Amino acid sequence: QNDASDVDTGKLIAVSYSDIKVEVDEWQPRENG
């Protein structure tokens, strides 16, 4: 919401993401999936 306020006032113009990589460190399963 702070970033959205910056967009409204013209301070923030563009935001995007790339090269997203995820590594599972620990999985703790429970019942029913």
PDB file of all heavy atoms in Angstrom:
ATOM      1  N   GLN A   1       0.826  -1.208   0.000  1.00  0.00           N
ATOM      2  CA  GLN A   1       0.000   0.000   0.000  1.00  0.00           C
ATOM      3  C   GLN A   1       0.862   1.260   0.000  1.00  0.00           C
ATOM      4  O   GLN A   1       0.493   2.271  -0.615  1.00  0.00           O
ATOM      5  CB  GLN A   1      -0.939  -0.012   1.202  1.00  0.00           C
ATOM      6  CG  GLN A   1      -2.091  -0.994   1.061  1.00  0.00           C
ATOM      7  CD  GLN A   1      -2.968  -1.061   2.288  1.00  0.00           C
ATOM      8  OE1 GLN A   1      -2.515  -0.799   3.398  1.00  0.00           O
ATOM      9  NE2 GLN A   1      -4.220  -1.437   2.101  1.00  0.00           N
ATOM     10  N   ASN A   2       2.024   1.218   0.669  1.00  0.00           N
ATOM     11  CA  ASN A   2       2.950   2.351   0.602  1.00  0.00           C
ATOM     12  C   ASN A   2       3.435   2.574  -0.825  1.00  0.00           C
ATOM     13  O   ASN A   2       3.521   3.719  -1.304  1.00  0.00           O
ATOM     14  CB  ASN A   2       4.140   2.117   1.532  1.00  0.00           C
ATOM     15  CG  ASN A   2       3.764   2.187   2.998  1.00  0.00           C
ATOM     16  OD1 ASN A   2       2.758   2.793   3.360  1.00  0.00           O
ATOM     17  ND2 ASN A   2       4.565   1.566   3.844  1.00  0.00           N
ATOM     18  N   ASP A   3       3.750   1.460  -1.521  1.00  0.00           N
ATOM     19  CA  ASP A   3       4.160   1.572  -2.918  1.00  0.00           C
ATOM     20  C   ASP A   3       3.023   2.111  -3.779  1.00  0.00           C
ATOM     21  O   ASP A   3       3.245   2.913  -4.696  1.00  0.00           O
ATOM     22  CB  ASP A   3       4.616   0.211  -3.448  1.00  0.00           C
ATOM     23  CG  ASP A   3       5.987  -0.190  -2.937  1.00  0.00           C
ATOM     24  OD1 ASP A   3       6.693   0.684  -2.391  1.00  0.00           O
ATOM     25  OD2 ASP A   3       6.361  -1.370  -3.087  1.00  0.00           O
ATOM     26  N   ALA A   4       1.793   1.674  -3.489  1.00  0.00           N
ATOM     27  CA  ALA A   4       0.651   2.165  -4.247  1.00  0.00           C
ATOM     28  C   ALA A   4       0.475   3.672  -4.060  1.00  0.00           C
ATOM     29  O   ALA A   4       0.099   4.387  -5.003  1.00  0.00           O
ATOM     30  CB  ALA A   4      -0.611   1.424  -3.833  1.00  0.00           C
ATOM     31  N   SER A   5       0.751   4.175  -2.856  1.00  0.00           N
ATOM     32  CA  SER A   5       0.684   5.621  -2.616  1.00  0.00           C
ATOM     33  C   SER A   5       1.732   6.352  -3.443  1.00  0.00           C
ATOM     34  O   SER A   5       1.472   7.441  -3.969  1.00  0.00           O
ATOM     35  CB  SER A   5       0.888   5.916  -1.127  1.00  0.00           C
ATOM     36  OG  SER A   5      -0.162   5.356  -0.353  1.00  0.00           O
ATOM     37  N   ASP A   6       2.924   5.754  -3.572  1.00  0.00           N
ATOM     38  CA  ASP A   6       3.960   6.356  -4.410  1.00  0.00           C
ATOM     39  C   ASP A   6       3.546   6.377  -5.880  1.00  0.00           C
ATOM     40  O   ASP A   6       3.882   7.302  -6.619  1.00  0.00           O
ATOM     41  CB  ASP A   6       5.276   5.597  -4.243  1.00  0.00           C
ATOM     42  CG  ASP A   6       5.964   5.896  -2.916  1.00  0.00           C
ATOM     43  OD1 ASP A   6       5.529   6.841  -2.218  1.00  0.00           O
ATOM     44  OD2 ASP A   6       6.922   5.185  -2.569  1.00  0.00           O
ATOM     45  N   VAL A   7       2.816   5.342  -6.310  1.00  0.00           N
ATOM     46  CA  VAL A   7       2.299   5.329  -7.685  1.00  0.00           C
ATOM     47  C   VAL A   7       1.307   6.472  -7.873  1.00  0.00           C
ATOM     48  O   VAL A   7       1.338   7.208  -8.876  1.00  0.00           O
ATOM     49  CB  VAL A   7       1.632   3.974  -8.008  1.00  0.00           C
ATOM     50  CG1 VAL A   7       0.935   4.023  -9.369  1.00  0.00           C
ATOM     51  CG2 VAL A   7       2.666   2.857  -8.000  1.00  0.00           C
ATOM     52  N   ASP A   8       0.424   6.659  -6.907  1.00  0.00           N
ATOM     53  CA  ASP A   8      -0.600   7.704  -7.008  1.00  0.00           C
ATOM     54  C   ASP A   8       0.011   9.102  -7.089  1.00  0.00           C
ATOM     55  O   ASP A   8      -0.550   9.988  -7.750  1.00  0.00           O
ATOM     56  CB  ASP A   8      -1.550   7.632  -5.809  1.00  0.00           C
ATOM     57  CG  ASP A   8      -2.399   6.371  -5.807  1.00  0.00           C
ATOM     58  OD1 ASP A   8      -2.534   5.748  -6.875  1.00  0.00           O
ATOM     59  OD2 ASP A   8      -2.913   6.002  -4.728  1.00  0.00           O
ATOM     60  N   THR A   9       1.136   9.300  -6.434  1.00  0.00           N
ATOM     61  CA  THR A   9       1.785  10.614  -6.440  1.00  0.00           C
ATOM     62  C   THR A   9       2.823  10.757  -7.544  1.00  0.00           C
ATOM     63  O   THR A   9       3.498  11.789  -7.624  1.00  0.00           O
ATOM     64  CB  THR A   9       2.444  10.888  -5.077  1.00  0.00           C
ATOM     65  OG1 THR A   9       3.398   9.847  -4.787  1.00  0.00           O
ATOM     66  CG2 THR A   9       1.394  10.929  -3.974  1.00  0.00           C
ATOM     67  N   GLY A  10       2.962   9.725  -8.374  1.00  0.00           N
ATOM     68  CA  GLY A  10       3.890   9.795  -9.493  1.00  0.00           C
ATOM     69  C   GLY A  10       5.335   9.499  -9.153  1.00  0.00           C
ATOM     70  O   GLY A  10       6.211   9.613 -10.014  1.00  0.00           O
ATOM     71  N   LYS A  11       5.592   9.080  -7.911  1.00  0.00           N
ATOM     72  CA  LYS A  11       6.972   8.790  -7.515  1.00  0.00           C
ATOM     73  C   LYS A  11       7.447   7.434  -8.026  1.00  0.00           C
ATOM     74  O   LYS A  11       8.642   7.241  -8.258  1.00  0.00           O
ATOM     75  CB  LYS A  11       7.094   8.823  -5.990  1.00  0.00           C
ATOM     76  CG  LYS A  11       6.793  10.179  -5.366  1.00  0.00           C
ATOM     77  CD  LYS A  11       6.866  10.109  -3.847  1.00  0.00           C
ATOM     78  CE  LYS A  11       6.505  11.432  -3.204  1.00  0.00           C
ATOM     79  NZ  LYS A  11       6.530  11.341  -1.714  1.00  0.00           N
ATOM     80  N   LEU A  12       6.546   6.478  -8.157  1.00  0.00           N
ATOM     81  CA  LEU A  12       6.885   5.128  -8.603  1.00  0.00           C
ATOM     82  C   LEU A  12       6.215   4.892  -9.949  1.00  0.00           C
ATOM     83  O   LEU A  12       4.993   5.051 -10.079  1.00  0.00           O
ATOM     84  CB  LEU A  12       6.415   4.095  -7.573  1.00  0.00           C
ATOM     85  CG  LEU A  12       6.734   2.628  -7.852  1.00  0.00           C
ATOM     86  CD1 LEU A  12       8.230   2.403  -7.982  1.00  0.00           C
ATOM     87  CD2 LEU A  12       6.163   1.738  -6.735  1.00  0.00           C
ATOM     88  N   ILE A  13       6.999   4.473 -10.921  1.00  0.00           N
ATOM     89  CA  ILE A  13       6.494   4.389 -12.297  1.00  0.00           C
ATOM     90  C   ILE A  13       6.345   2.948 -12.773  1.00  0.00           C
ATOM     91  O   ILE A  13       5.379   2.611 -13.461  1.00  0.00           O
ATOM     92  CB  ILE A  13       7.433   5.165 -13.247  1.00  0.00           C
ATOM     93  CG1 ILE A  13       7.464   6.649 -12.824  1.00  0.00           C
ATOM     94  CG2 ILE A  13       6.995   5.022 -14.702  1.00  0.00           C
ATOM     95  CD1 ILE A  13       8.530   7.456 -13.522  1.00  0.00           C
ATOM     96  N   ALA A  14       7.289   2.078 -12.428  1.00  0.00           N
ATOM     97  CA  ALA A  14       7.234   0.695 -12.920  1.00  0.00           C
ATOM     98  C   ALA A  14       7.833  -0.249 -11.898  1.00  0.00           C
ATOM     99  O   ALA A  14       8.827   0.069 -11.241  1.00  0.00           O
ATOM    100  CB  ALA A  14       7.976   0.571 -14.240  1.00  0.00           C
ATOM    101  N   VAL A  15       7.214  -1.445 -11.764  1.00  0.00           N
ATOM    102  CA  VAL A  15       7.729  -2.512 -10.911  1.00  0.00           C
ATOM    103  C   VAL A  15       7.438  -3.841 -11.600  1.00  0.00           C
ATOM    104  O   VAL A  15       6.304  -4.098 -12.011  1.00  0.00           O
ATOM    105  CB  VAL A  15       7.068  -2.534  -9.511  1.00  0.00           C
ATOM    106  CG1 VAL A  15       7.622  -3.705  -8.685  1.00  0.00           C
ATOM    107  CG2 VAL A  15       7.276  -1.225  -8.785  1.00  0.00           C
ATOM    108  N   SER A  16       8.474  -4.666 -11.756  1.00  0.00           N
ATOM    109  CA  SER A  16       8.282  -6.011 -12.296  1.00  0.00           C
ATOM    110  C   SER A  16       9.331  -6.937 -11.707  1.00  0.00           C
ATOM    111  O   SER A  16      10.296  -6.480 -11.076  1.00  0.00           O
ATOM    112  CB  SER A  16       8.368  -6.006 -13.828  1.00  0.00           C
ATOM    113  OG  SER A  16       9.657  -5.581 -14.250  1.00  0.00           O
ATOM    114  N   TYR A  17       9.147  -8.257 -11.920  1.00  0.00           N
ATOM    115  CA  TYR A  17      10.043  -9.252 -11.351  1.00  0.00           C
ATOM    116  C   TYR A  17      10.448 -10.249 -12.432  1.00  0.00           C
ATOM    117  O   TYR A  17       9.687 -10.521 -13.369  1.00  0.00           O
ATOM    118  CB  TYR A  17       9.365  -9.998 -10.197  1.00  0.00           C
ATOM    119  CG  TYR A  17       9.060  -9.115  -9.010  1.00  0.00           C
ATOM    120  CD1 TYR A  17       7.877  -8.377  -8.957  1.00  0.00           C
ATOM    121  CD2 TYR A  17       9.935  -9.015  -7.943  1.00  0.00           C
ATOM    122  CE1 TYR A  17       7.590  -7.569  -7.874  1.00  0.00           C
ATOM    123  CE2 TYR A  17       9.659  -8.208  -6.856  1.00  0.00           C
ATOM    124  CZ  TYR A  17       8.483  -7.478  -6.829  1.00  0.00           C
ATOM    125  OH  TYR A  17       8.201  -6.669  -5.753  1.00  0.00           O
ATOM    126  N   SER A  18      11.641 -10.801 -12.278  1.00  0.00           N
ATOM    127  CA  SER A  18      12.108 -11.832 -13.217  1.00  0.00           C
ATOM    128  C   SER A  18      13.036 -12.791 -12.487  1.00  0.00           C
ATOM    129  O   SER A  18      13.423 -12.556 -11.331  1.00  0.00           O
ATOM    130  CB  SER A  18      12.838 -11.187 -14.396  1.00  0.00           C
ATOM    131  OG  SER A  18      14.049 -10.567 -13.973  1.00  0.00           O
ATOM    132  N   ASP A  19      13.387 -13.882 -13.173  1.00  0.00           N
ATOM    133  CA  ASP A  19      14.351 -14.868 -12.646  1.00  0.00           C
ATOM    134  C   ASP A  19      13.955 -15.365 -11.251  1.00  0.00           C
ATOM    135  O   ASP A  19      14.774 -15.434 -10.329  1.00  0.00           O
ATOM    136  CB  ASP A  19      15.762 -14.286 -12.606  1.00  0.00           C
ATOM    137  CG  ASP A  19      16.240 -13.837 -13.971  1.00  0.00           C
ATOM    138  OD1 ASP A  19      16.082 -14.619 -14.925  1.00  0.00           O
ATOM    139  OD2 ASP A  19      16.724 -12.704 -14.097  1.00  0.00           O
ATOM    140  N   ILE A  20      12.686 -15.724 -11.113  1.00  0.00           N
ATOM    141  CA  ILE A  20      12.179 -16.213  -9.825  1.00  0.00           C
ATOM    142  C   ILE A  20      12.567 -17.680  -9.667  1.00  0.00           C
ATOM    143  O   ILE A  20      12.222 -18.521 -10.490  1.00  0.00           O
ATOM    144  CB  ILE A  20      10.651 -16.054  -9.748  1.00  0.00           C
ATOM    145  CG1 ILE A  20      10.268 -14.576  -9.916  1.00  0.00           C
ATOM    146  CG2 ILE A  20      10.113 -16.614  -8.438  1.00  0.00           C
ATOM    147  CD1 ILE A  20       8.799 -14.364 -10.201  1.00  0.00           C
ATOM    148  N   LYS A  21      13.315 -17.971  -8.626  1.00  0.00           N
ATOM    149  CA  LYS A  21      13.744 -19.344  -8.346  1.00  0.00           C
ATOM    150  C   LYS A  21      13.353 -19.701  -6.916  1.00  0.00           C
ATOM    151  O   LYS A  21      13.559 -18.920  -5.990  1.00  0.00           O
ATOM    152  CB  LYS A  21      15.250 -19.498  -8.549  1.00  0.00           C
ATOM    153  CG  LYS A  21      15.713 -19.271  -9.983  1.00  0.00           C
ATOM    154  CD  LYS A  21      17.214 -19.462 -10.112  1.00  0.00           C
ATOM    155  CE  LYS A  21      17.680 -19.342 -11.556  1.00  0.00           C
ATOM    156  NZ  LYS A  21      17.387 -17.996 -12.124  1.00  0.00           N
ATOM    157  N   VAL A  22      12.806 -20.903  -6.751  1.00  0.00           N
ATOM    158  CA  VAL A  22      12.308 -21.344  -5.442  1.00  0.00           C
ATOM    159  C   VAL A  22      12.955 -22.668  -5.083  1.00  0.00           C
ATOM    160  O   VAL A  22      12.997 -23.593  -5.896  1.00  0.00           O
ATOM    161  CB  VAL A  22      10.777 -21.501  -5.462  1.00  0.00           C
ATOM    162  CG1 VAL A  22      10.275 -21.895  -4.076  1.00  0.00           C
ATOM    163  CG2 VAL A  22      10.094 -20.221  -5.937  1.00  0.00           C
ATOM    164  N   GLU A  23      13.446 -22.764  -3.857  1.00  0.00           N
ATOM    165  CA  GLU A  23      14.019 -24.014  -3.352  1.00  0.00           C
ATOM    166  C   GLU A  23      13.277 -24.421  -2.088  1.00  0.00           C
ATOM    167  O   GLU A  23      13.165 -23.635  -1.137  1.00  0.00           O
ATOM    168  CB  GLU A  23      15.507 -23.832  -3.036  1.00  0.00           C
ATOM    169  CG  GLU A  23      16.171 -25.106  -2.528  1.00  0.00           C
ATOM    170  CD  GLU A  23      17.655 -24.938  -2.278  1.00  0.00           C
ATOM    171  OE1 GLU A  23      18.221 -23.921  -2.719  1.00  0.00           O
ATOM    172  OE2 GLU A  23      18.236 -25.823  -1.627  1.00  0.00           O
ATOM    173  N   VAL A  24      12.760 -25.628  -2.075  1.00  0.00           N
ATOM    174  CA  VAL A  24      12.051 -26.143  -0.903  1.00  0.00           C
ATOM    175  C   VAL A  24      13.079 -26.595   0.130  1.00  0.00           C
ATOM    176  O   VAL A  24      13.870 -27.509  -0.119  1.00  0.00           O
ATOM    177  CB  VAL A  24      11.119 -27.303  -1.292  1.00  0.00           C
ATOM    178  CG1 VAL A  24      10.490 -27.925  -0.041  1.00  0.00           C
ATOM    179  CG2 VAL A  24      10.040 -26.818  -2.249  1.00  0.00           C
ATOM    180  N   ASP A  25      13.066 -25.943   1.289  1.00  0.00           N
ATOM    181  CA  ASP A  25      13.994 -26.293   2.362  1.00  0.00           C
ATOM    182  C   ASP A  25      13.456 -27.418   3.249  1.00  0.00           C
ATOM    183  O   ASP A  25      14.199 -28.283   3.690  1.00  0.00           O
ATOM    184  CB  ASP A  25      14.278 -25.059   3.233  1.00  0.00           C
ATOM    185  CG  ASP A  25      14.911 -23.923   2.439  1.00  0.00           C
ATOM    186  OD1 ASP A  25      15.729 -24.210   1.552  1.00  0.00           O
ATOM    187  OD2 ASP A  25      14.567 -22.754   2.707  1.00  0.00           O
ATOM    188  N   GLU A  26      12.149 -27.382   3.514  1.00  0.00           N
ATOM    189  CA  GLU A  26      11.547 -28.385   4.403  1.00  0.00           C
ATOM    190  C   GLU A  26      10.057 -28.498   4.106  1.00  0.00           C
ATOM    191  O   GLU A  26       9.363 -27.479   3.994  1.00  0.00           O
ATOM    192  CB  GLU A  26      11.749 -27.990   5.868  1.00  0.00           C
ATOM    193  CG  GLU A  26      11.222 -29.005   6.861  1.00  0.00           C
ATOM    194  CD  GLU A  26      11.423 -28.570   8.305  1.00  0.00           C
ATOM    195  OE1 GLU A  26      12.055 -27.507   8.533  1.00  0.00           O
ATOM    196  OE2 GLU A  26      10.941 -29.297   9.205  1.00  0.00           O
ATOM    197  N   TRP A  27       9.561 -29.720   3.977  1.00  0.00           N
ATOM    198  CA  TRP A  27       8.137 -29.979   3.772  1.00  0.00           C
ATOM    199  C   TRP A  27       7.628 -30.810   4.940  1.00  0.00           C
ATOM    200  O   TRP A  27       8.174 -31.865   5.253  1.00  0.00           O
ATOM    201  CB  TRP A  27       7.922 -30.693   2.441  1.00  0.00           C
ATOM    202  CG  TRP A  27       6.590 -31.370   2.266  1.00  0.00           C
ATOM    203  CD1 TRP A  27       6.375 -32.706   2.058  1.00  0.00           C
ATOM    204  CD2 TRP A  27       5.293 -30.759   2.265  1.00  0.00           C
ATOM    205  NE1 TRP A  27       5.030 -32.964   1.923  1.00  0.00           N
ATOM    206  CE2 TRP A  27       4.333 -31.784   2.049  1.00  0.00           C
ATOM    207  CE3 TRP A  27       4.839 -29.450   2.424  1.00  0.00           C
ATOM    208  CZ2 TRP A  27       2.963 -31.535   1.993  1.00  0.00           C
ATOM    209  CZ3 TRP A  27       3.471 -29.203   2.371  1.00  0.00           C
ATOM    210  CH2 TRP A  27       2.555 -30.234   2.146  1.00  0.00           C
ATOM    211  N   GLN A  28       6.594 -30.306   5.616  1.00  0.00           N
ATOM    212  CA  GLN A  28       6.006 -30.991   6.762  1.00  0.00           C
ATOM    213  C   GLN A  28       4.572 -31.374   6.398  1.00  0.00           C
ATOM    214  O   GLN A  28       3.645 -30.570   6.568  1.00  0.00           O
ATOM    215  CB  GLN A  28       6.023 -30.082   7.991  1.00  0.00           C
ATOM    216  CG  GLN A  28       7.420 -29.626   8.398  1.00  0.00           C
ATOM    217  CD  GLN A  28       7.389 -28.547   9.482  1.00  0.00           C
ATOM    218  OE1 GLN A  28       6.343 -28.004   9.813  1.00  0.00           O
ATOM    219  NE2 GLN A  28       8.546 -28.245  10.048  1.00  0.00           N
ATOM    220  N   PRO A  29       4.348 -32.580   5.878  1.00  0.00           N
ATOM    221  CA  PRO A  29       2.991 -32.965   5.446  1.00  0.00           C
ATOM    222  C   PRO A  29       2.070 -33.200   6.630  1.00  0.00           C
ATOM    223  O   PRO A  29       2.496 -33.584   7.723  1.00  0.00           O
ATOM    224  CB  PRO A  29       3.231 -34.251   4.660  1.00  0.00           C
ATOM    225  CG  PRO A  29       4.489 -34.814   5.227  1.00  0.00           C
ATOM    226  CD  PRO A  29       5.336 -33.640   5.630  1.00  0.00           C
ATOM    227  N   ARG A  30       0.784 -32.935   6.399  1.00  0.00           N
ATOM    228  CA  ARG A  30      -0.253 -33.241   7.376  1.00  0.00           C
ATOM    229  C   ARG A  30      -1.298 -34.123   6.700  1.00  0.00           C
ATOM    230  O   ARG A  30      -1.156 -34.502   5.534  1.00  0.00           O
ATOM    231  CB  ARG A  30      -0.896 -31.953   7.911  1.00  0.00           C
ATOM    232  CG  ARG A  30       0.036 -31.088   8.741  1.00  0.00           C
ATOM    233  CD  ARG A  30      -0.746 -30.055   9.549  1.00  0.00           C
ATOM    234  NE  ARG A  30      -1.513 -29.167   8.709  1.00  0.00           N
ATOM    235  CZ  ARG A  30      -1.057 -28.039   8.198  1.00  0.00           C
ATOM    236  NH1 ARG A  30       0.193 -27.663   8.431  1.00  0.00           N
ATOM    237  NH2 ARG A  30      -1.830 -27.277   7.449  1.00  0.00           N
ATOM    238  N   GLU A  31      -2.352 -34.423   7.422  1.00  0.00           N
ATOM    239  CA  GLU A  31      -3.403 -35.279   6.900  1.00  0.00           C
ATOM    240  C   GLU A  31      -4.140 -34.575   5.770  1.00  0.00           C
ATOM    241  O   GLU A  31      -4.127 -33.364   5.651  1.00  0.00           O
ATOM    242  CB  GLU A  31      -4.374 -35.672   8.020  1.00  0.00           C
ATOM    243  CG  GLU A  31      -5.248 -34.544   8.549  1.00  0.00           C
ATOM    244  CD  GLU A  31      -4.531 -33.579   9.466  1.00  0.00           C
ATOM    245  OE1 GLU A  31      -3.363 -33.857   9.825  1.00  0.00           O
ATOM    246  OE2 GLU A  31      -5.134 -32.548   9.813  1.00  0.00           O
ATOM    247  N   ASN A  32      -4.752 -35.384   4.915  1.00  0.00           N
ATOM    248  CA  ASN A  32      -5.607 -34.880   3.831  1.00  0.00           C
ATOM    249  C   ASN A  32      -4.866 -34.006   2.828  1.00  0.00           C
ATOM    250  O   ASN A  32      -5.454 -33.143   2.184  1.00  0.00           O
ATOM    251  CB  ASN A  32      -6.793 -34.091   4.400  1.00  0.00           C
ATOM    252  CG  ASN A  32      -7.655 -34.927   5.310  1.00  0.00           C
ATOM    253  OD1 ASN A  32      -7.804 -36.132   5.088  1.00  0.00           O
ATOM    254  ND2 ASN A  32      -8.194 -34.330   6.349  1.00  0.00           N
ATOM    255  N   GLY A  33      -3.556 -34.196   2.720  1.00  0.00           N
ATOM    256  CA  GLY A  33      -2.808 -33.458   1.715  1.00  0.00           C
ATOM    257  C   GLY A  33      -2.350 -32.086   2.143  1.00  0.00           C
ATOM    258  O   GLY A  33      -1.698 -31.381   1.369  1.00  0.00           O
TER     259      GLY A  33
END
